[in-house]
C-alpha atoms as a PDB file:
ATOM      1  CA  MET A   1       8.785  30.052 -32.081  1.00  0.00           C
ATOM      2  CA  GLY A   2       5.556  28.956 -30.369  1.00  0.00           C
ATOM      3  CA  LEU A   3       4.101  30.305 -27.145  1.00  0.00           C
ATOM      4  CA  HIS A   4       4.992  27.082 -25.321  1.00  0.00           C
ATOM      5  CA  THR A   5       8.661  27.486 -26.313  1.00  0.00           C
ATOM      6  CA  ILE A   6       8.717  31.124 -25.198  1.00  0.00           C
ATOM      7  CA  LEU A   7       7.165  30.261 -21.822  1.00  0.00           C
ATOM      8  CA  LYS A   8       9.601  27.376 -21.385  1.00  0.00           C
ATOM      9  CA  LYS A   9      12.552  29.685 -22.027  1.00  0.00           C
ATOM     10  CA  LEU A  10      11.221  32.224 -19.518  1.00  0.00           C
ATOM     11  CA  LYS A  11      10.817  29.487 -16.916  1.00  0.00           C
ATOM     12  CA  GLN A  12      14.345  28.250 -17.599  1.00  0.00           C
ATOM     13  CA  LYS A  13      15.738  31.658 -16.797  1.00  0.00           C
ATOM     14  CA  GLU A  14      13.983  31.901 -13.443  1.00  0.00           C
ATOM     15  CA  HIS A  15      13.855  28.191 -12.497  1.00  0.00           C
ATOM     16  CA  GLU A  16      10.293  28.718 -11.365  1.00  0.00           C
ATOM     17  CA  VAL A  17       8.161  25.651 -10.640  1.00  0.00           C
ATOM     18  CA  ARG A  18       4.416  25.440 -10.045  1.00  0.00           C
ATOM     19  CA  LEU A  19       3.352  22.622  -7.732  1.00  0.00           C
ATOM     20  CA  LEU A  20      -0.262  21.665  -7.103  1.00  0.00           C
ATOM     21  CA  MET A  21      -0.942  19.885  -3.825  1.00  0.00           C
ATOM     22  CA  LEU A  22      -4.159  17.882  -3.733  1.00  0.00           C
ATOM     23  CA  GLY A  23      -5.724  15.023  -1.806  1.00  0.00           C
ATOM     24  CA  LEU A  24      -8.839  14.245   0.168  1.00  0.00           C
ATOM     25  CA  ASP A  25      -9.728  16.446   3.121  1.00  0.00           C
ATOM     26  CA  ASN A  26      -7.751  15.777   6.297  1.00  0.00           C
ATOM     27  CA  ALA A  27      -4.896  14.072   4.414  1.00  0.00           C
ATOM     28  CA  GLY A  28      -2.390  16.607   5.781  1.00  0.00           C
ATOM     29  CA  LYS A  29      -1.723  18.780   2.729  1.00  0.00           C
ATOM     30  CA  THR A  30      -1.494  22.070   4.614  1.00  0.00           C
ATOM     31  CA  THR A  31       0.639  20.473   7.324  1.00  0.00           C
ATOM     32  CA  VAL A  32       3.058  19.170   4.670  1.00  0.00           C
ATOM     33  CA  VAL A  33       3.362  22.627   3.099  1.00  0.00           C
ATOM     34  CA  LYS A  34       3.746  24.488   6.398  1.00  0.00           C
ATOM     35  CA  ARG A  35       6.306  21.994   7.696  1.00  0.00           C
ATOM     36  CA  PHE A  36       8.268  22.184   4.432  1.00  0.00           C
ATOM     37  CA  CYS A  37       8.266  25.993   4.660  1.00  0.00           C
ATOM     38  CA  GLY A  38       9.395  25.857   8.305  1.00  0.00           C
ATOM     39  CA  GLU A  39       6.153  27.312   9.654  1.00  0.00           C
ATOM     40  CA  ASP A  40       4.302  26.501  12.871  1.00  0.00           C
ATOM     41  CA  ILE A  41       1.878  23.581  12.483  1.00  0.00           C
ATOM     42  CA  ASN A  42       0.088  23.916  15.826  1.00  0.00           C
ATOM     43  CA  THR A  43      -2.798  26.012  14.492  1.00  0.00           C
ATOM     44  CA  ILE A  44      -3.845  24.322  11.267  1.00  0.00           C
ATOM     45  CA  SER A  45      -7.488  24.324  10.268  1.00  0.00           C
ATOM     46  CA  PRO A  46      -9.178  22.824   7.182  1.00  0.00           C
ATOM     47  CA  THR A  47      -8.450  24.631   3.931  1.00  0.00           C
ATOM     48  CA  TYR A  48     -11.622  26.001   2.365  1.00  0.00           C
ATOM     49  CA  GLY A  49     -10.345  27.266  -0.944  1.00  0.00           C
ATOM     50  CA  PHE A  50      -6.602  27.428  -1.418  1.00  0.00           C
ATOM     51  CA  ASN A  51      -3.317  28.703  -0.015  1.00  0.00           C
ATOM     52  CA  ILE A  52      -0.283  29.685  -2.061  1.00  0.00           C
ATOM     53  CA  LYS A  53       3.220  29.470  -0.661  1.00  0.00           C
ATOM     54  CA  THR A  54       6.250  30.708  -2.550  1.00  0.00           C
ATOM     55  CA  VAL A  55       9.559  29.426  -1.289  1.00  0.00           C
ATOM     56  CA  GLU A  56      13.126  29.337  -2.547  1.00  0.00           C
ATOM     57  CA  HIS A  57      14.533  25.820  -2.507  1.00  0.00           C
ATOM     58  CA  GLU A  58      17.906  24.471  -3.573  1.00  0.00           C
ATOM     59  CA  VAL A  59      18.358  21.074  -5.197  1.00  0.00           C
ATOM     60  CA  ASP A  60      21.758  19.891  -6.432  1.00  0.00           C
ATOM     61  CA  LYS A  61      23.216  23.410  -6.126  1.00  0.00           C
ATOM     62  CA  TYR A  62      20.491  24.945  -8.295  1.00  0.00           C
ATOM     63  CA  GLY A  63      18.019  27.402  -6.834  1.00  0.00           C
ATOM     64  CA  TYR A  64      14.327  27.079  -7.594  1.00  0.00           C
ATOM     65  CA  LYS A  65      11.362  29.281  -6.862  1.00  0.00           C
ATOM     66  CA  LEU A  66       8.535  26.961  -5.841  1.00  0.00           C
ATOM     67  CA  ASN A  67       4.951  28.172  -6.070  1.00  0.00           C
ATOM     68  CA  ILE A  68       2.983  25.629  -4.060  1.00  0.00           C
ATOM     69  CA  TRP A  69      -0.795  25.686  -4.454  1.00  0.00           C
ATOM     70  CA  ASP A  70      -2.432  23.897  -1.505  1.00  0.00           C
ATOM     71  CA  VAL A  71      -6.090  23.333  -2.409  1.00  0.00           C
ATOM     72  CA  GLY A  72      -8.821  22.122  -0.056  1.00  0.00           C
ATOM     73  CA  GLY A  73      -9.899  18.511  -0.462  1.00  0.00           C
ATOM     74  CA  GLN A  74     -13.466  18.521   0.820  1.00  0.00           C
ATOM     75  CA  ASN A  75     -15.906  16.726  -1.460  1.00  0.00           C
ATOM     76  CA  SER A  76     -17.720  20.012  -2.166  1.00  0.00           C
ATOM     77  CA  LEU A  77     -14.456  21.614  -3.402  1.00  0.00           C
ATOM     78  CA  ARG A  78     -13.154  18.843  -5.661  1.00  0.00           C
ATOM     79  CA  SER A  79     -15.141  19.986  -8.682  1.00  0.00           C
ATOM     80  CA  TYR A  80     -13.178  23.259  -8.476  1.00  0.00           C
ATOM     81  CA  TRP A  81      -9.763  21.582  -8.592  1.00  0.00           C
ATOM     82  CA  ARG A  82      -9.722  21.932 -12.389  1.00  0.00           C
ATOM     83  CA  ASN A  83      -9.427  25.715 -11.932  1.00  0.00           C
ATOM     84  CA  TYR A  84      -5.866  25.179 -10.655  1.00  0.00           C
ATOM     85  CA  PHE A  85      -4.486  22.825 -13.341  1.00  0.00           C
ATOM     86  CA  GLU A  86      -3.047  25.423 -15.732  1.00  0.00           C
ATOM     87  CA  CYS A  87       0.775  25.466 -15.966  1.00  0.00           C
ATOM     88  CA  THR A  88       1.209  22.802 -13.282  1.00  0.00           C
ATOM     89  CA  ASP A  89       4.674  21.252 -13.403  1.00  0.00           C
ATOM     90  CA  GLY A  90       4.230  18.850 -10.513  1.00  0.00           C
ATOM     91  CA  LEU A  91       1.281  17.280  -8.729  1.00  0.00           C
ATOM     92  CA  ILE A  92       1.707  16.326  -5.086  1.00  0.00           C
ATOM     93  CA  TRP A  93      -1.005  13.888  -4.018  1.00  0.00           C
ATOM     94  CA  VAL A  94      -1.225  13.545  -0.237  1.00  0.00           C
ATOM     95  CA  VAL A  95      -2.785  10.390   1.198  1.00  0.00           C
ATOM     96  CA  ASP A  96      -3.881   9.824   4.791  1.00  0.00           C
ATOM     97  CA  SER A  97      -2.242   6.413   5.240  1.00  0.00           C
ATOM     98  CA  ALA A  98      -4.192   5.809   8.443  1.00  0.00           C
ATOM     99  CA  ASP A  99      -7.634   6.266   6.840  1.00  0.00           C
ATOM    100  CA  ALA A 100      -8.129   2.882   5.166  1.00  0.00           C
ATOM    101  CA  ASP A 101     -11.876   3.484   4.799  1.00  0.00           C
ATOM    102  CA  ARG A 102     -11.338   6.316   2.282  1.00  0.00           C
ATOM    103  CA  LEU A 103      -8.464   4.907   0.228  1.00  0.00           C
ATOM    104  CA  ARG A 104     -10.784   3.723  -2.578  1.00  0.00           C
ATOM    105  CA  ASP A 105     -12.185   7.278  -2.810  1.00  0.00           C
ATOM    106  CA  CYS A 106      -8.611   8.518  -2.847  1.00  0.00           C
ATOM    107  CA  GLN A 107      -7.752   6.139  -5.691  1.00  0.00           C
ATOM    108  CA  GLN A 108     -10.786   7.216  -7.739  1.00  0.00           C
ATOM    109  CA  GLU A 109     -10.061  10.937  -7.305  1.00  0.00           C
ATOM    110  CA  LEU A 110      -6.414  10.471  -8.285  1.00  0.00           C
ATOM    111  CA  LYS A 111      -7.412   8.459 -11.349  1.00  0.00           C
ATOM    112  CA  LYS A 112      -9.751  11.276 -12.461  1.00  0.00           C
ATOM    113  CA  LEU A 113      -6.975  13.832 -12.002  1.00  0.00           C
ATOM    114  CA  LEU A 114      -4.465  11.869 -14.024  1.00  0.00           C
ATOM    115  CA  GLU A 115      -6.916  11.718 -16.939  1.00  0.00           C
ATOM    116  CA  GLU A 116      -7.041  15.529 -17.106  1.00  0.00           C
ATOM    117  CA  GLU A 117      -5.405  16.849 -20.260  1.00  0.00           C
ATOM    118  CA  ARG A 118      -3.989  19.944 -18.528  1.00  0.00           C
ATOM    119  CA  LEU A 119      -2.100  17.725 -16.063  1.00  0.00           C
ATOM    120  CA  ALA A 120      -0.720  15.443 -18.779  1.00  0.00           C
ATOM    121  CA  GLY A 121       2.873  16.630 -18.433  1.00  0.00           C
ATOM    122  CA  ALA A 122       2.929  16.962 -14.657  1.00  0.00           C
ATOM    123  CA  THR A 123       5.200  14.800 -12.537  1.00  0.00           C
ATOM    124  CA  LEU A 124       3.366  12.981  -9.717  1.00  0.00           C
ATOM    125  CA  LEU A 125       4.662  12.718  -6.162  1.00  0.00           C
ATOM    126  CA  VAL A 126       2.511  10.723  -3.742  1.00  0.00           C
ATOM    127  CA  PHE A 127       3.063  11.340  -0.053  1.00  0.00           C
ATOM    128  CA  ALA A 128       1.823   8.389   2.020  1.00  0.00           C
ATOM    129  CA  ASN A 129       1.331  10.716   4.976  1.00  0.00           C
ATOM    130  CA  LYS A 130       0.719  10.060   8.680  1.00  0.00           C
ATOM    131  CA  GLN A 131       3.248   7.247   8.911  1.00  0.00           C
ATOM    132  CA  ASP A 132       3.711   8.253  12.556  1.00  0.00           C
ATOM    133  CA  LEU A 133       0.308   6.699  13.370  1.00  0.00           C
ATOM    134  CA  PRO A 134       0.248   3.019  14.363  1.00  0.00           C
ATOM    135  CA  GLU A 135      -2.645   2.144  12.023  1.00  0.00           C
ATOM    136  CA  ALA A 136      -0.956   3.654   8.945  1.00  0.00           C
ATOM    137  CA  LEU A 137      -0.673   1.456   5.893  1.00  0.00           C
ATOM    138  CA  SER A 138       2.767   1.194   4.314  1.00  0.00           C
ATOM    139  CA  ALA A 139       3.713   3.064   1.153  1.00  0.00           C
ATOM    140  CA  GLU A 140       3.773  -0.309  -0.624  1.00  0.00           C
ATOM    141  CA  GLN A 141       0.154  -0.980   0.411  1.00  0.00           C
ATOM    142  CA  ILE A 142      -0.878   2.527  -0.667  1.00  0.00           C
ATOM    143  CA  LYS A 143       0.890   2.017  -4.014  1.00  0.00           C
ATOM    144  CA  GLU A 144      -1.137  -1.164  -4.593  1.00  0.00           C
ATOM    145  CA  ILE A 145      -4.461   0.450  -3.660  1.00  0.00           C
ATOM    146  CA  LEU A 146      -3.777   3.476  -5.883  1.00  0.00           C
ATOM    147  CA  ASP A 147      -2.632   1.083  -8.657  1.00  0.00           C
ATOM    148  CA  LEU A 148       0.420   3.228  -9.358  1.00  0.00           C
ATOM    149  CA  ASN A 149       2.319   0.462 -11.165  1.00  0.00           C
ATOM    150  CA  SER A 150      -0.212   0.621 -14.002  1.00  0.00           C
ATOM    151  CA  LEU A 151       0.410   4.349 -14.465  1.00  0.00           C
ATOM    152  CA  LYS A 152       2.170   4.928 -17.787  1.00  0.00           C
ATOM    153  CA  THR A 153       1.192   8.557 -18.443  1.00  0.00           C
ATOM    154  CA  HIS A 154       3.168  10.297 -15.691  1.00  0.00           C
ATOM    155  CA  HIS A 155       6.504  10.000 -13.959  1.00  0.00           C
ATOM    156  CA  TRP A 156       5.639   9.112 -10.376  1.00  0.00           C
ATOM    157  CA  TYR A 157       7.168   8.356  -7.007  1.00  0.00           C
ATOM    158  CA  ILE A 158       5.571   7.377  -3.705  1.00  0.00           C
ATOM    159  CA  LEU A 159       7.176   8.196  -0.410  1.00  0.00           C
ATOM    160  CA  PRO A 160       6.123   7.368   3.140  1.00  0.00           C
ATOM    161  CA  CYS A 161       6.153  10.500   5.269  1.00  0.00           C
ATOM    162  CA  SER A 162       4.896  12.207   8.385  1.00  0.00           C
ATOM    163  CA  ALA A 163       4.133  15.893   8.023  1.00  0.00           C
ATOM    164  CA  VAL A 164       4.035  16.203  11.804  1.00  0.00           C
ATOM    165  CA  ASP A 165       7.710  15.327  12.199  1.00  0.00           C
ATOM    166  CA  ARG A 166       8.755  16.410   8.660  1.00  0.00           C
ATOM    167  CA  ARG A 167       9.858  12.887   7.883  1.00  0.00           C
ATOM    168  CA  GLU A 168      10.845  12.528   4.214  1.00  0.00           C
ATOM    169  CA  SER A 169       9.032  15.616   2.845  1.00  0.00           C
ATOM    170  CA  CYS A 170      12.251  17.314   1.710  1.00  0.00           C
ATOM    171  CA  GLU A 171      13.434  14.120   0.011  1.00  0.00           C
ATOM    172  CA  GLY A 172      10.138  13.927  -1.877  1.00  0.00           C
ATOM    173  CA  ILE A 173      10.199  17.558  -2.988  1.00  0.00           C
ATOM    174  CA  ASP A 174      13.817  17.150  -4.111  1.00  0.00           C
ATOM    175  CA  TRP A 175      12.873  14.117  -6.237  1.00  0.00           C
ATOM    176  CA  LEU A 176       9.961  16.055  -7.724  1.00  0.00           C
ATOM    177  CA  ILE A 177      12.112  19.070  -8.598  1.00  0.00           C
ATOM    178  CA  ARG A 178      14.813  16.870 -10.169  1.00  0.00           C
ATOM    179  CA  ASP A 179      12.239  15.144 -12.361  1.00  0.00           C
ATOM    180  CA  ILE A 180      10.621  18.430 -13.408  1.00  0.00           C
ATOM    181  CA  ALA A 181      14.000  20.064 -14.044  1.00  0.00           C
ATOM    182  CA  ALA A 182      15.056  17.192 -16.297  1.00  0.00           C
ATOM    183  CA  ARG A 183      11.962  17.867 -18.418  1.00  0.00           C
ATOM    184  CA  ILE A 184      11.776  21.652 -18.596  1.00  0.00           C
ATOM    185  CA  PHE A 185      15.067  23.275 -17.645  1.00  0.00           C
ATOM    186  CA  THR A 186      18.434  23.341 -19.340  1.00  0.00           C
ATOM    187  CA  LEU A 187      20.852  23.209 -16.433  1.00  0.00           C
ATOM    188  CA  GLU A 188      24.360  24.539 -16.918  1.00  0.00           C
END
């Protein structure tokens, strides 16, 4: 029995999931996490480094322990993202839908991530965030810019959301957990 099999069996027992939340700076990653965890979002500042949130979450009557790694997205920090790839089950990519000027940068950074060997098995959830803003592009427009339809290496889903009013974030996390669970857990 290989190490991978042993680790998989241990994870099955605990239903523990590691989620890595990335995106360019000011996309709303920390706001998404805090809102999902039911925390106050009135005092959010840029993340220099990372935050880890552990939360119990139920999907389809199964309990999961989610370890969410929220990593800063400033250009100076992106080279350090690779330090967080190990054992990642799901990648949450947060996009500022209202920042059309940086969407090409966003697309290039996501493409680089998805080429990383250590993220090869990770499920991808894209949050098209800030849908509450009038200048926000639709999830369909974001999908085209990120060229998600050409992605054959990862299961993926894009969802319009607003971290400020918690719109759709639970639905997205539920989809992500279901996809991960189908791959790594044996559910009774």
